[in-house]
Amino acid sequence: MIKRIIITGGPSSGKTSIIDALKDEGYSCFDEVSRETIQEMNIKTAFKNVDFEETVFKKRKRDFLNAKSGVNFYDRSMLDNLAYLKKNKHEIPIHFKIDCENHRYHPTVFITTPWEDIYTVDDERLESFKDSIQIFEALKQVYIEANYNLVELPKSSVKERIRFIINEI
């Protein structure tokens, strides 16, 4: 059986640190694909266009289809693209909606909350902390509308967050 577990949340809220630690524990994990796409497309702004979202969406769909038997963790999912498109006031392509309906992840989704103490900006993370809060709200709306059960992760150490996730699943 394949179990696809999403870890989502706004930028710089600890998702990748959790995924990296889960990998160290031997779990099958799929990395965030936005960073590599930002580099490939040489994007220099927090505002992403539809072409960017289309490219990232295809990579996330590929990762969905490449899940191994057992538990698989995802640093974001196809649904995150819907939230970013909404936040940036783009129309959501119909094939995004169809793919999200036809490719369902585990019904429990873990979401990291905005956490200013760990928030950083770098060459690929161009959003402000205020943007991160808006993205977090858009993510919550998209996942709830898609009938996923959101579980907020506590603001605690990576080790404690992993323990929380494992206990929940």
C-alpha atoms as a PDB file:
ATOM      1  CA  MET A   1       0.000   0.000   0.000  1.00  0.00           C
ATOM      2  CA  ILE A   2       1.169   3.526  -0.800  1.00  0.00           C
ATOM      3  CA  LYS A   3       0.670   6.282   1.777  1.00  0.00           C
ATOM      4  CA  ARG A   4       1.409   9.834   0.570  1.00  0.00           C
ATOM      5  CA  ILE A   5       1.831  12.293   3.458  1.00  0.00           C
ATOM      6  CA  ILE A   6       2.003  16.022   2.716  1.00  0.00           C
ATOM      7  CA  ILE A   7       3.916  18.536   4.792  1.00  0.00           C
ATOM      8  CA  THR A   8       2.882  21.994   3.666  1.00  0.00           C
ATOM      9  CA  GLY A   9       2.992  25.550   4.985  1.00  0.00           C
ATOM     10  CA  GLY A  10       4.221  28.997   4.124  1.00  0.00           C
ATOM     11  CA  PRO A  11       7.815  29.708   3.140  1.00  0.00           C
ATOM     12  CA  SER A  12      10.494  29.240   5.810  1.00  0.00           C
ATOM     13  CA  SER A  13       8.322  27.493   8.361  1.00  0.00           C
ATOM     14  CA  GLY A  14      10.433  24.352   8.777  1.00  0.00           C
ATOM     15  CA  LYS A  15       9.084  21.977   6.094  1.00  0.00           C
ATOM     16  CA  THR A  16      12.400  21.133   4.450  1.00  0.00           C
ATOM     17  CA  SER A  17      14.143  20.590   7.786  1.00  0.00           C
ATOM     18  CA  ILE A  18      11.423  18.078   8.676  1.00  0.00           C
ATOM     19  CA  ILE A  19      11.724  16.321   5.290  1.00  0.00           C
ATOM     20  CA  ASP A  20      15.528  16.148   5.604  1.00  0.00           C
ATOM     21  CA  ALA A  21      15.237  14.627   9.094  1.00  0.00           C
ATOM     22  CA  LEU A  22      12.637  12.108   7.872  1.00  0.00           C
ATOM     23  CA  LYS A  23      15.067  11.104   5.098  1.00  0.00           C
ATOM     24  CA  ASP A  24      17.748  10.599   7.753  1.00  0.00           C
ATOM     25  CA  GLU A  25      15.284   8.274   9.527  1.00  0.00           C
ATOM     26  CA  GLY A  26      15.020   6.197   6.340  1.00  0.00           C
ATOM     27  CA  TYR A  27      11.644   7.395   5.051  1.00  0.00           C
ATOM     28  CA  SER A  28      10.923   7.886   1.361  1.00  0.00           C
ATOM     29  CA  CYS A  29      10.690  11.661   0.826  1.00  0.00           C
ATOM     30  CA  PHE A  30      10.105  13.974  -2.089  1.00  0.00           C
ATOM     31  CA  ASP A  31      11.868  17.338  -1.963  1.00  0.00           C
ATOM     32  CA  GLU A  32      10.407  20.744  -2.663  1.00  0.00           C
ATOM     33  CA  VAL A  33      10.782  21.385  -6.402  1.00  0.00           C
ATOM     34  CA  SER A  34      10.227  25.155  -6.405  1.00  0.00           C
ATOM     35  CA  ARG A  35      13.827  26.065  -5.538  1.00  0.00           C
ATOM     36  CA  GLU A  36      15.330  24.219  -8.507  1.00  0.00           C
ATOM     37  CA  THR A  37      12.641  25.682 -10.795  1.00  0.00           C
ATOM     38  CA  ILE A  38      13.315  29.219  -9.538  1.00  0.00           C
ATOM     39  CA  GLN A  39      16.999  28.688 -10.377  1.00  0.00           C
ATOM     40  CA  GLU A  40      16.255  27.115 -13.780  1.00  0.00           C
ATOM     41  CA  MET A  41      13.862  29.932 -14.741  1.00  0.00           C
ATOM     42  CA  ASN A  42      16.085  32.627 -13.180  1.00  0.00           C
ATOM     43  CA  ILE A  43      13.192  34.117 -11.194  1.00  0.00           C
ATOM     44  CA  LYS A  44      14.022  37.189  -9.124  1.00  0.00           C
ATOM     45  CA  THR A  45      10.643  38.115  -7.675  1.00  0.00           C
ATOM     46  CA  ALA A  46       8.255  36.667  -5.091  1.00  0.00           C
ATOM     47  CA  PHE A  47       5.414  36.976  -7.624  1.00  0.00           C
ATOM     48  CA  LYS A  48       5.359  33.808  -9.743  1.00  0.00           C
ATOM     49  CA  ASN A  49       3.658  33.561 -13.117  1.00  0.00           C
ATOM     50  CA  VAL A  50       1.478  30.764 -14.474  1.00  0.00           C
ATOM     51  CA  ASP A  51       4.377  29.238 -16.463  1.00  0.00           C
ATOM     52  CA  PHE A  52       6.311  28.783 -13.225  1.00  0.00           C
ATOM     53  CA  GLU A  53       3.313  27.189 -11.500  1.00  0.00           C
ATOM     54  CA  GLU A  54       2.738  24.893 -14.501  1.00  0.00           C
ATOM     55  CA  THR A  55       6.366  23.692 -14.392  1.00  0.00           C
ATOM     56  CA  VAL A  56       6.280  23.095 -10.629  1.00  0.00           C
ATOM     57  CA  PHE A  57       2.878  21.386 -10.850  1.00  0.00           C
ATOM     58  CA  LYS A  58       4.185  18.898 -13.442  1.00  0.00           C
ATOM     59  CA  LYS A  59       7.144  18.032 -11.195  1.00  0.00           C
ATOM     60  CA  ARG A  60       4.869  17.538  -8.192  1.00  0.00           C
ATOM     61  CA  LYS A  61       2.586  15.301 -10.245  1.00  0.00           C
ATOM     62  CA  ARG A  62       5.639  13.294 -11.331  1.00  0.00           C
ATOM     63  CA  ASP A  63       6.595  12.895  -7.660  1.00  0.00           C
ATOM     64  CA  PHE A  64       3.061  11.785  -6.796  1.00  0.00           C
ATOM     65  CA  LEU A  65       3.245   9.095  -9.485  1.00  0.00           C
ATOM     66  CA  ASN A  66       6.737   7.995  -8.359  1.00  0.00           C
ATOM     67  CA  ALA A  67       5.672   7.089  -4.808  1.00  0.00           C
ATOM     68  CA  LYS A  68       7.058   3.837  -3.451  1.00  0.00           C
ATOM     69  CA  SER A  69       5.155   1.205  -1.524  1.00  0.00           C
ATOM     70  CA  GLY A  70       4.817   2.247   2.122  1.00  0.00           C
ATOM     71  CA  VAL A  71       4.991   5.754   3.572  1.00  0.00           C
ATOM     72  CA  ASN A  72       6.099   8.663   1.353  1.00  0.00           C
ATOM     73  CA  PHE A  73       6.508  12.228   2.610  1.00  0.00           C
ATOM     74  CA  TYR A  74       6.107  15.266   0.355  1.00  0.00           C
ATOM     75  CA  ASP A  75       7.569  18.747   0.866  1.00  0.00           C
ATOM     76  CA  ARG A  76       4.437  20.424  -0.564  1.00  0.00           C
ATOM     77  CA  SER A  77       2.037  18.956  -3.123  1.00  0.00           C
ATOM     78  CA  MET A  78       0.120  19.797  -6.285  1.00  0.00           C
ATOM     79  CA  LEU A  79      -2.494  21.541  -4.143  1.00  0.00           C
ATOM     80  CA  ASP A  80       0.090  24.116  -3.072  1.00  0.00           C
ATOM     81  CA  ASN A  81       0.161  25.378  -6.642  1.00  0.00           C
ATOM     82  CA  LEU A  82      -3.546  26.160  -6.383  1.00  0.00           C
ATOM     83  CA  ALA A  83      -2.920  28.212  -3.246  1.00  0.00           C
ATOM     84  CA  TYR A  84      -0.085  30.186  -4.847  1.00  0.00           C
ATOM     85  CA  LEU A  85      -2.168  30.847  -7.952  1.00  0.00           C
ATOM     86  CA  LYS A  86      -5.033  32.092  -5.755  1.00  0.00           C
ATOM     87  CA  LYS A  87      -2.710  34.294  -3.696  1.00  0.00           C
ATOM     88  CA  ASN A  88      -1.246  35.821  -6.867  1.00  0.00           C
ATOM     89  CA  LYS A  89      -4.754  36.282  -8.342  1.00  0.00           C
ATOM     90  CA  HIS A  90      -4.192  33.933 -11.293  1.00  0.00           C
ATOM     91  CA  GLU A  91      -6.929  31.741 -12.668  1.00  0.00           C
ATOM     92  CA  ILE A  92      -6.445  28.086 -11.774  1.00  0.00           C
ATOM     93  CA  PRO A  93      -6.141  25.925 -14.906  1.00  0.00           C
ATOM     94  CA  ILE A  94      -8.856  23.279 -15.067  1.00  0.00           C
ATOM     95  CA  HIS A  95      -6.327  20.459 -15.476  1.00  0.00           C
ATOM     96  CA  PHE A  96      -4.789  21.445 -12.112  1.00  0.00           C
ATOM     97  CA  LYS A  97      -8.170  20.961 -10.464  1.00  0.00           C
ATOM     98  CA  ILE A  98      -8.804  17.669 -12.255  1.00  0.00           C
ATOM     99  CA  ASP A  99      -5.372  16.274 -11.366  1.00  0.00           C
ATOM    100  CA  CYS A 100      -5.810  17.277  -7.723  1.00  0.00           C
ATOM    101  CA  GLU A 101      -9.181  15.510  -7.629  1.00  0.00           C
ATOM    102  CA  ASN A 102      -7.857  12.375  -9.353  1.00  0.00           C
ATOM    103  CA  HIS A 103      -4.570  12.138  -7.446  1.00  0.00           C
ATOM    104  CA  ARG A 104      -5.456  12.110  -3.758  1.00  0.00           C
ATOM    105  CA  TYR A 105      -2.870  12.117  -1.000  1.00  0.00           C
ATOM    106  CA  HIS A 106      -3.372  10.793   2.532  1.00  0.00           C
ATOM    107  CA  PRO A 107      -6.398  12.608   4.026  1.00  0.00           C
ATOM    108  CA  THR A 108      -4.328  14.026   6.922  1.00  0.00           C
ATOM    109  CA  VAL A 109      -2.063  16.888   5.858  1.00  0.00           C
ATOM    110  CA  PHE A 110       0.499  18.443   8.176  1.00  0.00           C
ATOM    111  CA  ILE A 111       0.850  22.207   7.950  1.00  0.00           C
ATOM    112  CA  THR A 112       3.597  24.340   9.441  1.00  0.00           C
ATOM    113  CA  THR A 113       2.473  27.704  10.763  1.00  0.00           C
ATOM    114  CA  PRO A 114       4.274  30.992  10.077  1.00  0.00           C
ATOM    115  CA  TRP A 115       7.164  31.247  12.531  1.00  0.00           C
ATOM    116  CA  GLU A 116       9.007  34.559  12.485  1.00  0.00           C
ATOM    117  CA  ASP A 117      11.848  33.293  14.715  1.00  0.00           C
ATOM    118  CA  ILE A 118      13.049  30.872  12.019  1.00  0.00           C
ATOM    119  CA  TYR A 119      11.998  32.918   8.975  1.00  0.00           C
ATOM    120  CA  THR A 120      14.770  33.716   6.472  1.00  0.00           C
ATOM    121  CA  VAL A 121      14.955  35.071   2.932  1.00  0.00           C
ATOM    122  CA  ASP A 122      17.490  33.824   0.385  1.00  0.00           C
ATOM    123  CA  ASP A 123      18.058  33.657  -3.389  1.00  0.00           C
ATOM    124  CA  GLU A 124      15.089  31.320  -3.928  1.00  0.00           C
ATOM    125  CA  ARG A 125      12.863  32.329  -0.998  1.00  0.00           C
ATOM    126  CA  LEU A 126      11.893  35.830  -1.975  1.00  0.00           C
ATOM    127  CA  GLU A 127       8.624  36.225  -0.057  1.00  0.00           C
ATOM    128  CA  SER A 128       8.367  38.477   2.982  1.00  0.00           C
ATOM    129  CA  PHE A 129       7.124  37.174   6.316  1.00  0.00           C
ATOM    130  CA  LYS A 130       3.814  38.931   5.570  1.00  0.00           C
ATOM    131  CA  ASP A 131       3.651  36.988   2.262  1.00  0.00           C
ATOM    132  CA  SER A 132       4.309  33.797   4.214  1.00  0.00           C
ATOM    133  CA  ILE A 133       1.248  34.457   6.385  1.00  0.00           C
ATOM    134  CA  GLN A 134      -0.908  35.106   3.299  1.00  0.00           C
ATOM    135  CA  ILE A 135       0.367  31.909   1.655  1.00  0.00           C
ATOM    136  CA  PHE A 136      -0.363  29.959   4.854  1.00  0.00           C
ATOM    137  CA  GLU A 137      -3.968  31.229   4.810  1.00  0.00           C
ATOM    138  CA  ALA A 138      -4.364  30.405   1.099  1.00  0.00           C
ATOM    139  CA  LEU A 139      -2.984  26.899   1.720  1.00  0.00           C
ATOM    140  CA  LYS A 140      -5.431  26.300   4.551  1.00  0.00           C
ATOM    141  CA  GLN A 141      -8.337  27.361   2.348  1.00  0.00           C
ATOM    142  CA  VAL A 142      -7.281  25.169  -0.600  1.00  0.00           C
ATOM    143  CA  TYR A 143      -6.718  22.040   1.492  1.00  0.00           C
ATOM    144  CA  ILE A 144      -9.960  22.452   3.446  1.00  0.00           C
ATOM    145  CA  GLU A 145     -11.924  23.013   0.205  1.00  0.00           C
ATOM    146  CA  ALA A 146     -10.332  19.815  -1.166  1.00  0.00           C
ATOM    147  CA  ASN A 147     -11.556  17.889   1.919  1.00  0.00           C
ATOM    148  CA  TYR A 148      -8.209  17.247   3.579  1.00  0.00           C
ATOM    149  CA  ASN A 149      -7.824  17.192   7.353  1.00  0.00           C
ATOM    150  CA  LEU A 150      -5.225  19.820   8.287  1.00  0.00           C
ATOM    151  CA  VAL A 151      -3.104  19.218  11.372  1.00  0.00           C
ATOM    152  CA  GLU A 152      -0.975  22.159  12.481  1.00  0.00           C
ATOM    153  CA  LEU A 153       2.506  21.187  13.572  1.00  0.00           C
ATOM    154  CA  PRO A 154       3.694  22.599  16.889  1.00  0.00           C
ATOM    155  CA  LYS A 155       6.432  25.206  16.915  1.00  0.00           C
ATOM    156  CA  SER A 156       9.042  22.921  18.416  1.00  0.00           C
ATOM    157  CA  SER A 157      12.282  21.184  17.518  1.00  0.00           C
ATOM    158  CA  VAL A 158      12.522  19.166  14.310  1.00  0.00           C
ATOM    159  CA  LYS A 159      12.844  15.977  16.359  1.00  0.00           C
ATOM    160  CA  GLU A 160       9.644  16.788  18.291  1.00  0.00           C
ATOM    161  CA  ARG A 161       7.803  17.674  15.090  1.00  0.00           C
ATOM    162  CA  ILE A 162       8.790  14.334  13.535  1.00  0.00           C
ATOM    163  CA  ARG A 163       7.656  12.467  16.635  1.00  0.00           C
ATOM    164  CA  PHE A 164       4.320  14.331  16.419  1.00  0.00           C
ATOM    165  CA  ILE A 165       3.894  13.383  12.728  1.00  0.00           C
ATOM    166  CA  ILE A 166       4.780   9.719  13.253  1.00  0.00           C
ATOM    167  CA  ASN A 167       2.378   9.484  16.196  1.00  0.00           C
ATOM    168  CA  GLU A 168      -0.414  10.990  14.063  1.00  0.00           C
ATOM    169  CA  ILE A 169       0.016   8.621  11.127  1.00  0.00           C
END
